[in-house]
């Protein structure tokens, strides 16, 4: 092995490759295969890159799917593994759904992606927001579709959410912004209607959608 060569990734721990209907983001409602990296305390199965590639091909041939979602855990910590598994092309379009905290690792994988989705809650600190926007900017520079999804569990202030939308537009004017309030907050008042009016004046591609609930919707 020469000094510049990297050892081939041996494998990665996956929580499974279930099928389901995406519940969040611009591809919400699409039927997908979910490549779910295991989180702490989740039951995991080790996959080699070749095994993952073959399993995706097998599953894609058995039924009709829109795309593949890479999600769960910290998927870009396994960027080399994923790049090897997807080398030569995947049987379906591939999206990456993650927190955007590893922009330096995205380069390894981005040529295999059709959509980079950065999912935030709205209460991240300034440093985390900067890294997330760097991820969006990198996807834009590589001409890969990119989206910012805000899952507003912590109910951050309207002004804070608007500032994040502004930052997403500054990162790329092509960013698709999808905001998912809780169903309860949508039904209780008109706050979100008024917020969307303000957000639409900031950035032309902002959508407000309820999360498709389980068991119909699938989240990572």
Foldseek 3Di string as FASTA:
>chain_A
DDPPDDDQDAWAWWLDFDWAAAFDDPRGRFIETEGAGDDPPRDTDIDFLCRVQVVQVVVVVVDPGAEYEYDYDAVLVCLSRPLSSQPPHHPHAYEYEEQQQCLVSCVSHLVRHQEYEHEEALPDDPVSLVSNLSNLLVCVVVVHHYEYEHENPVVDDLVSVLVSLLSNVVSPLRYAYEYAYEPVVVPPDCVVVVSVVVSCVRHVHYYYDHGDDPPNHDDD
